[in-house]
Amino acid sequence: MASTRRRGFTLIELMVVVLILGIIGTIGFFYATRNIGTAEWQSARTEMSELHKALLNWSLNNNGEFPDDLEVLAEDFPGRRVPTDPFSKEPYLYERTEDGFELTCYGKDGVEGGTEKTDRDIVFDQRGQREPLDD
C-alpha cells in the first residue's frame, strides 16, 4: 500500500521561515548602517592626512611654496583625482595662509564646530592635524 503522505513544506512553515529571515536581515541592516557617519568621518581624516603629505611634498619641490589649489596634486592620487569630502562630495576647503595652508572638513553637519564625532571639524595645516586633537 502506497503512502498518501505528501512531501514538502506547508504554507505556514514557509511563512515562518520568511519572517525569521526578514528579522535577521533587519537586524543585520541596522548594525551595518549605524556606523556609516563615523566611517565617513574617519575616511575624511585619512584622506586629509594624505593630502597634507602631498602638499608638503609639493612644497619641497617648489621652494617651500604651497599651491594655489589642490588640483595640482591630482597626479599623486588614484585616478588622477584629488579626494573629495565624503559628506558634501565637494573638494575639501583649502586656503593658503601666510605660514602655509589650512585644509578643512566641516563634518557631517557641514557647519563649523560640532559636538558629535561625525559633526566635528577636521583641520590640517602645514604642521599637521590641528583639530580634533583627541582622536
Protein backbone atom coordinates (compact mmCIF):
# COMPACT_ATOMS: atom_id res chain seq x y z
CA MET A 1 0.00 0.00 0.00
CA ALA A 2 1.42 3.36 -1.04
CA SER A 3 1.70 6.18 1.44
CA THR A 4 -0.50 9.17 0.73
CA ARG A 5 1.67 11.45 2.81
CA ARG A 6 2.93 14.49 0.85
CA ARG A 7 6.48 15.70 0.92
CA GLY A 8 7.29 19.40 1.22
CA PHE A 9 6.53 22.36 3.42
CA THR A 10 3.21 23.86 4.32
CA LEU A 11 2.44 27.50 3.63
CA ILE A 12 2.64 28.30 7.36
CA GLU A 13 6.13 26.78 7.62
CA LEU A 14 7.35 28.81 4.64
CA MET A 15 5.85 32.00 6.07
CA VAL A 16 7.62 31.41 9.41
CA VAL A 17 10.96 30.93 7.61
CA VAL A 18 10.46 34.13 5.57
CA LEU A 19 9.55 36.03 8.76
CA ILE A 20 12.67 34.79 10.56
CA LEU A 21 14.89 35.71 7.58
CA GLY A 22 13.28 39.16 7.49
CA ILE A 23 14.02 39.73 11.17
CA ILE A 24 17.64 38.60 10.76
CA GLY A 25 18.02 40.84 7.70
CA THR A 26 16.62 43.85 9.56
CA ILE A 27 19.00 43.34 12.48
CA GLY A 28 21.95 42.94 10.09
CA PHE A 29 20.97 46.07 8.16
CA PHE A 30 20.70 48.06 11.39
CA TYR A 31 24.19 47.05 12.55
CA ALA A 32 25.71 47.57 9.11
CA THR A 33 24.37 51.11 8.67
CA ARG A 34 24.63 52.59 12.15
CA ASN A 35 28.33 53.47 11.84
CA ILE A 36 28.38 54.93 8.34
CA GLY A 37 28.81 58.51 9.61
CA THR A 38 31.78 57.54 11.77
CA ALA A 39 33.34 55.65 8.87
CA GLU A 40 32.92 58.67 6.58
CA TRP A 41 34.49 60.93 9.22
CA GLN A 42 37.47 58.58 9.59
CA SER A 43 37.75 58.41 5.79
CA ALA A 44 37.83 62.20 5.60
CA ARG A 45 40.57 62.38 8.21
CA THR A 46 42.64 59.75 6.42
CA GLU A 47 42.23 61.43 3.02
CA MET A 48 43.13 64.80 4.52
CA SER A 49 46.26 63.27 6.03
CA GLU A 50 47.23 62.04 2.55
CA LEU A 51 46.51 65.49 1.11
CA HIS A 52 48.67 67.01 3.86
CA LYS A 53 51.57 64.74 2.86
CA ALA A 54 51.08 65.56 -0.83
CA LEU A 55 51.05 69.31 -0.05
CA LEU A 56 54.28 69.03 1.94
CA ASN A 57 55.88 67.04 -0.87
CA TRP A 58 54.77 69.63 -3.43
CA SER A 59 56.20 72.37 -1.21
CA LEU A 60 59.56 70.61 -1.01
CA ASN A 61 59.73 70.52 -4.79
CA ASN A 62 58.65 74.18 -5.16
CA ASN A 63 60.97 76.20 -2.93
CA GLY A 64 58.78 75.96 0.17
CA GLU A 65 55.70 77.43 -1.50
CA PHE A 66 52.29 75.81 -1.38
CA PRO A 67 49.95 75.55 -4.39
CA ASP A 68 47.04 77.90 -5.00
CA ASP A 69 44.60 74.99 -5.24
CA LEU A 70 44.54 71.23 -4.70
CA GLU A 71 44.12 70.28 -8.37
CA VAL A 72 47.90 70.43 -8.93
CA LEU A 73 48.14 67.37 -6.66
CA ALA A 74 45.81 65.23 -8.78
CA GLU A 75 48.61 63.15 -10.28
CA ASP A 76 49.58 61.94 -6.78
CA PHE A 77 46.23 60.20 -6.26
CA PRO A 78 44.47 57.19 -7.82
CA GLY A 79 42.54 58.05 -10.96
CA ARG A 80 44.43 61.36 -11.04
CA ARG A 81 41.67 62.92 -8.94
CA VAL A 82 42.05 64.78 -5.68
CA PRO A 83 39.95 63.18 -2.90
CA THR A 84 36.71 64.97 -2.06
CA ASP A 85 34.85 65.50 1.19
CA PRO A 86 32.77 62.32 1.78
CA PHE A 87 29.96 64.36 3.34
CA SER A 88 29.47 67.15 0.81
CA LYS A 89 31.04 65.36 -2.19
CA GLU A 90 32.80 68.69 -2.86
CA PRO A 91 36.55 69.35 -2.65
CA TYR A 92 37.95 69.86 0.83
CA LEU A 93 38.24 73.51 1.82
CA TYR A 94 41.81 74.61 1.07
CA GLU A 95 43.26 78.02 1.76
CA ARG A 96 46.80 79.33 1.52
CA THR A 97 47.87 81.32 4.55
CA GLU A 98 50.90 83.45 5.38
CA ASP A 99 52.52 80.50 7.16
CA GLY A 100 51.43 77.80 4.72
CA PHE A 101 47.93 76.42 4.29
CA GLU A 102 44.76 75.30 6.01
CA LEU A 103 42.76 72.26 4.92
CA THR A 104 39.28 71.86 6.44
CA CYS A 105 36.35 69.45 6.53
CA TYR A 106 33.29 70.62 8.48
CA GLY A 107 31.97 67.11 9.13
CA LYS A 108 28.54 65.67 8.52
CA ASP A 109 26.60 68.79 9.54
CA GLY A 110 28.58 70.95 7.08
CA VAL A 111 28.95 73.87 9.51
CA GLU A 112 31.81 75.00 11.69
CA GLY A 113 32.01 73.35 15.11
CA GLY A 114 30.03 70.35 16.22
CA THR A 115 29.84 68.18 19.32
CA GLU A 116 29.02 64.77 17.85
CA LYS A 117 32.03 62.93 16.42
CA THR A 118 30.65 62.96 12.88
CA ASP A 119 29.93 66.71 13.09
CA ARG A 120 33.33 67.73 14.44
CA ASP A 121 35.62 69.71 12.16
CA ILE A 122 38.86 68.24 10.87
CA VAL A 123 41.55 70.83 10.26
CA PHE A 124 45.09 70.35 8.96
CA ASP A 125 47.76 72.96 8.45
CA GLN A 126 51.38 72.74 7.33
CA ARG A 127 52.36 71.34 10.76
CA GLY A 128 49.77 68.56 10.74
CA GLN A 129 46.33 67.91 12.18
CA ARG A 130 45.12 70.82 14.33
CA GLU A 131 41.57 69.68 15.09
CA PRO A 132 40.43 67.45 16.69
CA LEU A 133 43.50 66.72 18.78
CA ASP A 134 41.99 63.96 20.93
CA ASP A 135 41.30 61.43 18.14
